[in-house]
Amino acid sequence: MAATSRTAGTAAPGGPYRPGGDVSRGPRPGSGEGPGGPRPAGRDTGGPPVPSARPAPDGSRAVPETDAPIAHREIRRHSVRGQILQALRTALLDGDLTPGEVYSAPALGLRFGVSATPVREAMQQLAAEGAVEVVPNRGFRIAVRSARERAELAQVRALVEAPVVLELLRTLPAAAWGALRPAAETTAAAAATGDRGRYAEADRAFHRAVLALAGNEQLVAVADDLHQRSQWPPDGVSLTADAGEHLRLLDALERGDTATARLLVEGHFGRAPGG
């Protein structure tokens, strides 16, 4: 009669109870099992080494020590993606990526000296921001923004930012504006380099700092998203002139010249190209 394989939850006559699997088989080669069950940890089993374990943060289970290099690689991968995202934004602002053209992730990866994966992830972020469009099986098309779309963005920014800043003019003491001087000077320094990517970051940082004085984090996030969308494609606005308005605005605010400050706010905040 053929031997019948015993299933999970049975015990072989005279042998230990095994909670699962085919208990009629012998020990697996290199598994560390002996006739009486698994061998204690630390004994040389003759098989491949088993990673040591450390307690999980919540104490629920053991976490193999080999998790640490995996986490390190994950952090490094996110760092690369962030660098590629910044490089792509700079390329958009500098006009190195042509509106309407389709670019594949592998081709851009070769350009930046990385694999296609971080490029694809960065492009997905730009697609969420409206800077590119996904083209299935081809890559990403650089979005073309019409004059009407740019004007609409400018109008929305003006509706969001200008009233807040005008209210701050009325309620904040003149001395409070001095804290924004370093951010304004950073925009001037970035403008002097002619690097549109660097200036775009400094410009947005200044506007965030101004709006943050209102104490509304959601407002800052919404305004910053609109600002970022309005910064491309680039146009002929002078970076130094744009940055100069930041400094003139602070000069007026610090000396209590609200009339001049109001004119600068209405002319600068909400302007689509660089403001």
C-alpha atoms as a PDB file:
ATOM      1  CA  MET A   1       0.000   0.000   0.000  1.00  0.00           C
ATOM      2  CA  ALA A   2       1.313   3.412  -0.874  1.00  0.00           C
ATOM      3  CA  ALA A   3       2.255   5.656   2.045  1.00  0.00           C
ATOM      4  CA  THR A   4      -0.211   8.478   2.702  1.00  0.00           C
ATOM      5  CA  SER A   5       1.197  12.013   3.180  1.00  0.00           C
ATOM      6  CA  ARG A   6       0.082  13.539   6.467  1.00  0.00           C
ATOM      7  CA  THR A   7      -1.222  17.111   6.287  1.00  0.00           C
ATOM      8  CA  ALA A   8      -0.982  20.195   8.524  1.00  0.00           C
ATOM      9  CA  GLY A   9      -2.021  19.746  12.136  1.00  0.00           C
ATOM     10  CA  THR A  10      -1.153  16.003  12.403  1.00  0.00           C
ATOM     11  CA  ALA A  11       1.540  14.177  14.280  1.00  0.00           C
ATOM     12  CA  ALA A  12       3.617  11.264  13.083  1.00  0.00           C
ATOM     13  CA  PRO A  13       3.510   8.231  15.381  1.00  0.00           C
ATOM     14  CA  GLY A  14       6.144   8.758  18.014  1.00  0.00           C
ATOM     15  CA  GLY A  15       7.219  12.055  16.514  1.00  0.00           C
ATOM     16  CA  PRO A  16       6.656  15.700  17.409  1.00  0.00           C
ATOM     17  CA  TYR A  17       3.604  17.665  16.387  1.00  0.00           C
ATOM     18  CA  ARG A  18       4.260  19.827  13.323  1.00  0.00           C
ATOM     19  CA  PRO A  19       1.772  22.696  12.719  1.00  0.00           C
ATOM     20  CA  GLY A  20       1.728  22.578   8.961  1.00  0.00           C
ATOM     21  CA  GLY A  21       3.366  21.094   5.899  1.00  0.00           C
ATOM     22  CA  ASP A  22       4.029  17.494   4.991  1.00  0.00           C
ATOM     23  CA  VAL A  23       5.348  15.911   8.147  1.00  0.00           C
ATOM     24  CA  SER A  24       6.101  12.609   6.418  1.00  0.00           C
ATOM     25  CA  ARG A  25       9.121  14.130   4.650  1.00  0.00           C
ATOM     26  CA  GLY A  26      12.591  14.157   6.137  1.00  0.00           C
ATOM     27  CA  PRO A  27      14.462  17.306   7.099  1.00  0.00           C
ATOM     28  CA  ARG A  28      15.157  19.757   4.247  1.00  0.00           C
ATOM     29  CA  PRO A  29      18.803  19.858   3.200  1.00  0.00           C
ATOM     30  CA  GLY A  30      20.487  22.915   4.705  1.00  0.00           C
ATOM     31  CA  SER A  31      17.324  23.887   6.577  1.00  0.00           C
ATOM     32  CA  GLY A  32      18.799  23.451  10.033  1.00  0.00           C
ATOM     33  CA  GLU A  33      16.181  20.844  10.911  1.00  0.00           C
ATOM     34  CA  GLY A  34      17.066  17.666  12.678  1.00  0.00           C
ATOM     35  CA  PRO A  35      15.015  14.645  13.486  1.00  0.00           C
ATOM     36  CA  GLY A  36      13.587  16.439  16.496  1.00  0.00           C
ATOM     37  CA  GLY A  37      12.782  19.746  14.777  1.00  0.00           C
ATOM     38  CA  PRO A  38      14.698  22.946  14.024  1.00  0.00           C
ATOM     39  CA  ARG A  39      18.120  23.289  15.579  1.00  0.00           C
ATOM     40  CA  PRO A  40      18.727  26.090  18.048  1.00  0.00           C
ATOM     41  CA  ALA A  41      19.920  29.412  16.662  1.00  0.00           C
ATOM     42  CA  GLY A  42      23.665  29.845  16.521  1.00  0.00           C
ATOM     43  CA  ARG A  43      24.510  26.189  15.807  1.00  0.00           C
ATOM     44  CA  ASP A  44      26.334  25.447  12.573  1.00  0.00           C
ATOM     45  CA  THR A  45      23.713  23.841  10.398  1.00  0.00           C
ATOM     46  CA  GLY A  46      25.784  23.416   7.284  1.00  0.00           C
ATOM     47  CA  GLY A  47      23.308  25.525   5.282  1.00  0.00           C
ATOM     48  CA  PRO A  48      23.389  29.158   4.234  1.00  0.00           C
ATOM     49  CA  PRO A  49      23.737  31.670   7.101  1.00  0.00           C
ATOM     50  CA  VAL A  50      20.502  33.037   8.479  1.00  0.00           C
ATOM     51  CA  PRO A  51      20.492  36.810   9.049  1.00  0.00           C
ATOM     52  CA  SER A  52      20.493  37.791  12.693  1.00  0.00           C
ATOM     53  CA  ALA A  53      17.444  39.671  13.872  1.00  0.00           C
ATOM     54  CA  ARG A  54      16.833  42.680  16.062  1.00  0.00           C
ATOM     55  CA  PRO A  55      13.589  43.599  17.863  1.00  0.00           C
ATOM     56  CA  ALA A  56      11.140  45.656  15.826  1.00  0.00           C
ATOM     57  CA  PRO A  57      10.531  49.216  17.100  1.00  0.00           C
ATOM     58  CA  ASP A  58       7.104  48.192  18.385  1.00  0.00           C
ATOM     59  CA  GLY A  59       8.352  44.878  19.755  1.00  0.00           C
ATOM     60  CA  SER A  60       5.937  42.940  17.548  1.00  0.00           C
ATOM     61  CA  ARG A  61       8.398  40.906  15.557  1.00  0.00           C
ATOM     62  CA  ALA A  62      12.034  40.508  14.712  1.00  0.00           C
ATOM     63  CA  VAL A  63      13.444  42.541  11.844  1.00  0.00           C
ATOM     64  CA  PRO A  64      16.409  41.060   9.954  1.00  0.00           C
ATOM     65  CA  GLU A  65      19.544  43.161  10.143  1.00  0.00           C
ATOM     66  CA  THR A  66      19.675  43.082   6.345  1.00  0.00           C
ATOM     67  CA  ASP A  67      16.824  45.624   6.333  1.00  0.00           C
ATOM     68  CA  ALA A  68      19.293  48.431   7.108  1.00  0.00           C
ATOM     69  CA  PRO A  69      21.056  48.433   3.706  1.00  0.00           C
ATOM     70  CA  ILE A  70      17.655  48.289   1.992  1.00  0.00           C
ATOM     71  CA  ALA A  71      16.516  51.388   3.864  1.00  0.00           C
ATOM     72  CA  HIS A  72      19.789  53.117   2.971  1.00  0.00           C
ATOM     73  CA  ARG A  73      19.280  52.370  -0.703  1.00  0.00           C
ATOM     74  CA  GLU A  74      15.721  53.701  -0.511  1.00  0.00           C
ATOM     75  CA  ILE A  75      16.909  57.002   0.998  1.00  0.00           C
ATOM     76  CA  ARG A  76      19.589  57.318  -1.657  1.00  0.00           C
ATOM     77  CA  ARG A  77      17.061  56.612  -4.434  1.00  0.00           C
ATOM     78  CA  HIS A  78      14.753  59.365  -3.170  1.00  0.00           C
ATOM     79  CA  SER A  79      17.727  61.718  -3.035  1.00  0.00           C
ATOM     80  CA  VAL A  80      18.539  61.024  -6.686  1.00  0.00           C
ATOM     81  CA  ARG A  81      14.907  61.565  -7.666  1.00  0.00           C
ATOM     82  CA  GLY A  82      14.920  64.941  -5.917  1.00  0.00           C
ATOM     83  CA  GLN A  83      18.078  66.001  -7.716  1.00  0.00           C
ATOM     84  CA  ILE A  84      16.661  64.945 -11.083  1.00  0.00           C
ATOM     85  CA  LEU A  85      13.398  66.768 -10.353  1.00  0.00           C
ATOM     86  CA  GLN A  86      15.322  69.961  -9.655  1.00  0.00           C
ATOM     87  CA  ALA A  87      17.445  69.479 -12.790  1.00  0.00           C
ATOM     88  CA  LEU A  88      14.317  69.007 -14.913  1.00  0.00           C
ATOM     89  CA  ARG A  89      12.692  72.126 -13.464  1.00  0.00           C
ATOM     90  CA  THR A  90      15.830  74.102 -14.258  1.00  0.00           C
ATOM     91  CA  ALA A  91      15.853  72.703 -17.794  1.00  0.00           C
ATOM     92  CA  LEU A  92      12.222  73.780 -18.217  1.00  0.00           C
ATOM     93  CA  LEU A  93      12.942  77.303 -16.991  1.00  0.00           C
ATOM     94  CA  ASP A  94      16.113  77.607 -19.081  1.00  0.00           C
ATOM     95  CA  GLY A  95      14.251  76.487 -22.208  1.00  0.00           C
ATOM     96  CA  ASP A  96      16.363  73.341 -22.623  1.00  0.00           C
ATOM     97  CA  LEU A  97      13.199  71.243 -22.868  1.00  0.00           C
ATOM     98  CA  THR A  98      11.069  72.397 -25.776  1.00  0.00           C
ATOM     99  CA  PRO A  99       7.302  72.829 -25.237  1.00  0.00           C
ATOM    100  CA  GLY A 100       5.380  70.312 -27.335  1.00  0.00           C
ATOM    101  CA  GLU A 101       8.301  67.883 -27.656  1.00  0.00           C
ATOM    102  CA  VAL A 102       8.137  64.349 -26.255  1.00  0.00           C
ATOM    103  CA  TYR A 103      11.054  63.097 -24.154  1.00  0.00           C
ATOM    104  CA  SER A 104      11.506  59.508 -23.003  1.00  0.00           C
ATOM    105  CA  ALA A 105      12.698  58.649 -19.510  1.00  0.00           C
ATOM    106  CA  PRO A 106      15.589  56.460 -20.784  1.00  0.00           C
ATOM    107  CA  ALA A 107      16.859  59.253 -23.058  1.00  0.00           C
ATOM    108  CA  LEU A 108      16.728  61.806 -20.256  1.00  0.00           C
ATOM    109  CA  GLY A 109      18.367  59.278 -17.957  1.00  0.00           C
ATOM    110  CA  LEU A 110      21.333  59.077 -20.322  1.00  0.00           C
ATOM    111  CA  ARG A 111      21.471  62.849 -20.383  1.00  0.00           C
ATOM    112  CA  PHE A 112      21.660  63.085 -16.591  1.00  0.00           C
ATOM    113  CA  GLY A 113      23.743  59.955 -16.104  1.00  0.00           C
ATOM    114  CA  VAL A 114      21.111  58.015 -14.151  1.00  0.00           C
ATOM    115  CA  SER A 115      18.677  55.187 -14.795  1.00  0.00           C
ATOM    116  CA  ALA A 116      15.233  55.798 -16.228  1.00  0.00           C
ATOM    117  CA  THR A 117      13.492  55.138 -12.895  1.00  0.00           C
ATOM    118  CA  PRO A 118      14.248  58.415 -11.034  1.00  0.00           C
ATOM    119  CA  VAL A 119      13.591  60.354 -14.252  1.00  0.00           C
ATOM    120  CA  ARG A 120      10.207  58.694 -14.651  1.00  0.00           C
ATOM    121  CA  GLU A 121       9.314  59.407 -11.010  1.00  0.00           C
ATOM    122  CA  ALA A 122      10.379  63.058 -11.347  1.00  0.00           C
ATOM    123  CA  MET A 123       8.388  63.425 -14.568  1.00  0.00           C
ATOM    124  CA  GLN A 124       5.304  62.036 -12.837  1.00  0.00           C
ATOM    125  CA  GLN A 125       5.667  64.805 -10.258  1.00  0.00           C
ATOM    126  CA  LEU A 126       5.977  67.413 -13.032  1.00  0.00           C
ATOM    127  CA  ALA A 127       2.882  65.926 -14.667  1.00  0.00           C
ATOM    128  CA  ALA A 128       0.977  66.440 -11.403  1.00  0.00           C
ATOM    129  CA  GLU A 129       2.129  70.074 -11.485  1.00  0.00           C
ATOM    130  CA  GLY A 130       0.958  70.488 -15.078  1.00  0.00           C
ATOM    131  CA  ALA A 131       4.430  71.020 -16.530  1.00  0.00           C
ATOM    132  CA  VAL A 132       4.382  67.864 -18.674  1.00  0.00           C
ATOM    133  CA  GLU A 133       1.819  65.442 -20.069  1.00  0.00           C
ATOM    134  CA  VAL A 134       2.132  61.655 -20.004  1.00  0.00           C
ATOM    135  CA  VAL A 135       2.273  60.105 -23.482  1.00  0.00           C
ATOM    136  CA  PRO A 136       1.633  56.334 -23.124  1.00  0.00           C
ATOM    137  CA  ASN A 137       4.436  54.124 -24.481  1.00  0.00           C
ATOM    138  CA  ARG A 138       6.469  57.162 -25.539  1.00  0.00           C
ATOM    139  CA  GLY A 139       7.344  59.343 -22.586  1.00  0.00           C
ATOM    140  CA  PHE A 140       6.397  62.850 -21.523  1.00  0.00           C
ATOM    141  CA  ARG A 141       5.396  65.842 -23.613  1.00  0.00           C
ATOM    142  CA  ILE A 142       6.435  69.267 -22.381  1.00  0.00           C
ATOM    143  CA  ALA A 143       3.171  71.134 -21.939  1.00  0.00           C
ATOM    144  CA  VAL A 144       2.402  74.172 -24.048  1.00  0.00           C
ATOM    145  CA  ARG A 145       0.861  76.968 -22.009  1.00  0.00           C
ATOM    146  CA  SER A 146      -1.215  79.481 -23.919  1.00  0.00           C
ATOM    147  CA  ALA A 147      -1.304  83.217 -23.220  1.00  0.00           C
ATOM    148  CA  ARG A 148      -4.819  82.767 -21.860  1.00  0.00           C
ATOM    149  CA  GLU A 149      -3.705  80.088 -19.399  1.00  0.00           C
ATOM    150  CA  ARG A 150      -0.880  82.296 -18.161  1.00  0.00           C
ATOM    151  CA  ALA A 151      -3.246  85.245 -17.748  1.00  0.00           C
ATOM    152  CA  GLU A 152      -5.683  83.065 -15.800  1.00  0.00           C
ATOM    153  CA  LEU A 153      -2.918  81.908 -13.479  1.00  0.00           C
ATOM    154  CA  ALA A 154      -1.870  85.513 -12.914  1.00  0.00           C
ATOM    155  CA  GLN A 155      -5.431  86.464 -12.065  1.00  0.00           C
ATOM    156  CA  VAL A 156      -5.834  83.633  -9.563  1.00  0.00           C
ATOM    157  CA  ARG A 157      -2.492  84.459  -7.942  1.00  0.00           C
ATOM    158  CA  ALA A 158      -3.506  88.089  -7.613  1.00  0.00           C
ATOM    159  CA  LEU A 159      -6.769  87.079  -5.951  1.00  0.00           C
ATOM    160  CA  VAL A 160      -4.949  84.810  -3.493  1.00  0.00           C
ATOM    161  CA  GLU A 161      -1.818  86.771  -2.640  1.00  0.00           C
ATOM    162  CA  ALA A 162      -2.449  90.494  -3.018  1.00  0.00           C
ATOM    163  CA  PRO A 163      -5.341  90.839  -0.503  1.00  0.00           C
ATOM    164  CA  VAL A 164      -3.349  88.930   2.118  1.00  0.00           C
ATOM    165  CA  VAL A 165      -0.271  91.121   1.719  1.00  0.00           C
ATOM    166  CA  LEU A 166      -2.375  94.295   1.736  1.00  0.00           C
ATOM    167  CA  GLU A 167      -3.975  93.158   4.988  1.00  0.00           C
ATOM    168  CA  LEU A 168      -0.509  92.519   6.427  1.00  0.00           C
ATOM    169  CA  LEU A 169       0.467  96.059   5.456  1.00  0.00           C
ATOM    170  CA  ARG A 170      -2.366  97.300   7.633  1.00  0.00           C
ATOM    171  CA  THR A 171      -1.803  95.082  10.652  1.00  0.00           C
ATOM    172  CA  LEU A 172       1.924  94.348  10.970  1.00  0.00           C
ATOM    173  CA  PRO A 173       4.339  96.824  12.583  1.00  0.00           C
ATOM    174  CA  ALA A 174       7.061  98.169  10.298  1.00  0.00           C
ATOM    175  CA  ALA A 175       9.777  96.411  12.292  1.00  0.00           C
ATOM    176  CA  ALA A 176       8.304  92.979  11.516  1.00  0.00           C
ATOM    177  CA  TRP A 177       9.244  93.206   7.849  1.00  0.00           C
ATOM    178  CA  GLY A 178      12.977  93.288   8.526  1.00  0.00           C
ATOM    179  CA  ALA A 179      13.025  89.508   8.990  1.00  0.00           C
ATOM    180  CA  LEU A 180      12.340  89.132   5.259  1.00  0.00           C
ATOM    181  CA  ARG A 181      15.473  91.045   4.236  1.00  0.00           C
ATOM    182  CA  PRO A 182      17.724  87.915   3.886  1.00  0.00           C
ATOM    183  CA  ALA A 183      15.163  86.211   1.609  1.00  0.00           C
ATOM    184  CA  ALA A 184      14.906  89.327  -0.573  1.00  0.00           C
ATOM    185  CA  GLU A 185      18.683  89.622  -0.812  1.00  0.00           C
ATOM    186  CA  THR A 186      18.889  85.953  -1.810  1.00  0.00           C
ATOM    187  CA  THR A 187      16.594  86.619  -4.777  1.00  0.00           C
ATOM    188  CA  ALA A 188      18.822  89.534  -5.827  1.00  0.00           C
ATOM    189  CA  ALA A 189      21.931  87.347  -5.646  1.00  0.00           C
ATOM    190  CA  ALA A 190      20.229  84.590  -7.652  1.00  0.00           C
ATOM    191  CA  ALA A 191      19.055  87.093 -10.267  1.00  0.00           C
ATOM    192  CA  ALA A 192      22.616  88.377 -10.681  1.00  0.00           C
ATOM    193  CA  THR A 193      23.753  84.901 -11.788  1.00  0.00           C
ATOM    194  CA  GLY A 194      21.176  84.753 -14.590  1.00  0.00           C
ATOM    195  CA  ASP A 195      20.283  81.208 -13.503  1.00  0.00           C
ATOM    196  CA  ARG A 196      16.503  81.028 -13.915  1.00  0.00           C
ATOM    197  CA  GLY A 197      16.228  77.772 -12.027  1.00  0.00           C
ATOM    198  CA  ARG A 198      18.055  79.171  -9.018  1.00  0.00           C
ATOM    199  CA  TYR A 199      16.061  82.396  -9.181  1.00  0.00           C
ATOM    200  CA  ALA A 200      12.741  80.533  -9.377  1.00  0.00           C
ATOM    201  CA  GLU A 201      13.502  78.756  -6.098  1.00  0.00           C
ATOM    202  CA  ALA A 202      14.627  81.969  -4.360  1.00  0.00           C
ATOM    203  CA  ASP A 203      11.626  83.905  -5.681  1.00  0.00           C
ATOM    204  CA  ARG A 204       9.151  81.346  -4.399  1.00  0.00           C
ATOM    205  CA  ALA A 205      10.950  81.222  -1.033  1.00  0.00           C
ATOM    206  CA  PHE A 206      10.539  85.004  -0.662  1.00  0.00           C
ATOM    207  CA  HIS A 207       6.838  84.871  -1.474  1.00  0.00           C
ATOM    208  CA  ARG A 208       6.328  81.985   0.947  1.00  0.00           C
ATOM    209  CA  ALA A 209       8.071  83.977   3.681  1.00  0.00           C
ATOM    210  CA  VAL A 210       5.812  86.976   3.072  1.00  0.00           C
ATOM    211  CA  LEU A 211       2.601  84.956   3.102  1.00  0.00           C
ATOM    212  CA  ALA A 212       3.718  82.929   6.124  1.00  0.00           C
ATOM    213  CA  LEU A 213       3.360  86.098   8.183  1.00  0.00           C
ATOM    214  CA  ALA A 214      -0.410  85.598   7.871  1.00  0.00           C
ATOM    215  CA  GLY A 215      -0.101  82.364   9.860  1.00  0.00           C
ATOM    216  CA  ASN A 216      -2.110  80.257   7.390  1.00  0.00           C
ATOM    217  CA  GLU A 217      -0.176  77.186   6.208  1.00  0.00           C
ATOM    218  CA  GLN A 218      -2.836  76.138   3.701  1.00  0.00           C
ATOM    219  CA  LEU A 219      -2.719  79.564   2.111  1.00  0.00           C
ATOM    220  CA  VAL A 220       1.068  79.321   1.736  1.00  0.00           C
ATOM    221  CA  ALA A 221       0.803  75.866   0.135  1.00  0.00           C
ATOM    222  CA  VAL A 222      -1.896  76.878  -2.355  1.00  0.00           C
ATOM    223  CA  ALA A 223      -0.138  80.116  -3.290  1.00  0.00           C
ATOM    224  CA  ASP A 224       3.198  78.340  -3.742  1.00  0.00           C
ATOM    225  CA  ASP A 225       1.639  75.768  -6.078  1.00  0.00           C
ATOM    226  CA  LEU A 226       0.130  78.552  -8.206  1.00  0.00           C
ATOM    227  CA  HIS A 227       3.432  80.411  -8.183  1.00  0.00           C
ATOM    228  CA  GLN A 228       5.334  77.359  -9.354  1.00  0.00           C
ATOM    229  CA  ARG A 229       2.900  76.770 -12.199  1.00  0.00           C
ATOM    230  CA  SER A 230       3.212  80.392 -13.304  1.00  0.00           C
ATOM    231  CA  GLN A 231       7.020  80.296 -13.597  1.00  0.00           C
ATOM    232  CA  TRP A 232       7.160  78.409 -16.887  1.00  0.00           C
ATOM    233  CA  PRO A 233       7.537  78.599 -19.765  1.00  0.00           C
ATOM    234  CA  PRO A 234      10.075  81.393 -19.247  1.00  0.00           C
ATOM    235  CA  ASP A 235       9.575  84.815 -20.767  1.00  0.00           C
ATOM    236  CA  GLY A 236      11.567  87.996 -21.172  1.00  0.00           C
ATOM    237  CA  VAL A 237      11.019  89.479 -17.725  1.00  0.00           C
ATOM    238  CA  SER A 238      14.277  90.764 -16.224  1.00  0.00           C
ATOM    239  CA  LEU A 239      15.263  88.745 -13.169  1.00  0.00           C
ATOM    240  CA  THR A 240      17.175  91.651 -11.635  1.00  0.00           C
ATOM    241  CA  ALA A 241      14.172  93.973 -12.057  1.00  0.00           C
ATOM    242  CA  ASP A 242      11.871  91.408 -10.485  1.00  0.00           C
ATOM    243  CA  ALA A 243      14.206  90.874  -7.520  1.00  0.00           C
ATOM    244  CA  GLY A 244      14.635  94.636  -7.188  1.00  0.00           C
ATOM    245  CA  GLU A 245      10.917  94.969  -6.493  1.00  0.00           C
ATOM    246  CA  HIS A 246      11.316  92.697  -3.471  1.00  0.00           C
ATOM    247  CA  LEU A 247      13.950  95.001  -2.014  1.00  0.00           C
ATOM    248  CA  ARG A 248      12.017  98.185  -2.801  1.00  0.00           C
ATOM    249  CA  LEU A 249       8.919  96.719  -1.199  1.00  0.00           C
ATOM    250  CA  LEU A 250      10.795  95.988   2.019  1.00  0.00           C
ATOM    251  CA  ASP A 251      12.385  99.435   1.989  1.00  0.00           C
ATOM    252  CA  ALA A 252       8.925 101.034   1.799  1.00  0.00           C
ATOM    253  CA  LEU A 253       7.500  98.766   4.479  1.00  0.00           C
ATOM    254  CA  GLU A 254      10.338  99.326   6.932  1.00  0.00           C
ATOM    255  CA  ARG A 255      10.080 103.109   6.660  1.00  0.00           C
ATOM    256  CA  GLY A 256       6.280 102.949   6.984  1.00  0.00           C
ATOM    257  CA  ASP A 257       5.542 104.187   3.465  1.00  0.00           C
ATOM    258  CA  THR A 258       2.330 102.225   2.990  1.00  0.00           C
ATOM    259  CA  ALA A 259       1.260 104.154  -0.137  1.00  0.00           C
ATOM    260  CA  THR A 260       4.387 103.109  -2.073  1.00  0.00           C
ATOM    261  CA  ALA A 261       4.205  99.610  -0.619  1.00  0.00           C
ATOM    262  CA  ARG A 262       0.602  99.263  -1.776  1.00  0.00           C
ATOM    263  CA  LEU A 263       1.536 100.215  -5.338  1.00  0.00           C
ATOM    264  CA  LEU A 264       4.391  97.706  -5.346  1.00  0.00           C
ATOM    265  CA  VAL A 265       2.178  94.935  -3.960  1.00  0.00           C
ATOM    266  CA  GLU A 266      -0.535  95.529  -6.540  1.00  0.00           C
ATOM    267  CA  GLY A 267       2.016  95.592  -9.349  1.00  0.00           C
ATOM    268  CA  HIS A 268       4.181  92.685  -8.227  1.00  0.00           C
ATOM    269  CA  PHE A 269       2.099  90.077  -6.425  1.00  0.00           C
ATOM    270  CA  GLY A 270       0.109  88.006  -8.829  1.00  0.00           C
ATOM    271  CA  ARG A 271       2.150  88.876 -11.891  1.00  0.00           C
ATOM    272  CA  ALA A 272       2.568  85.665 -13.862  1.00  0.00           C
ATOM    273  CA  PRO A 273       6.098  85.665 -15.303  1.00  0.00           C
ATOM    274  CA  GLY A 274       8.515  86.087 -12.451  1.00  0.00           C
ATOM    275  CA  GLY A 275       6.669  87.727  -9.547  1.00  0.00           C
END
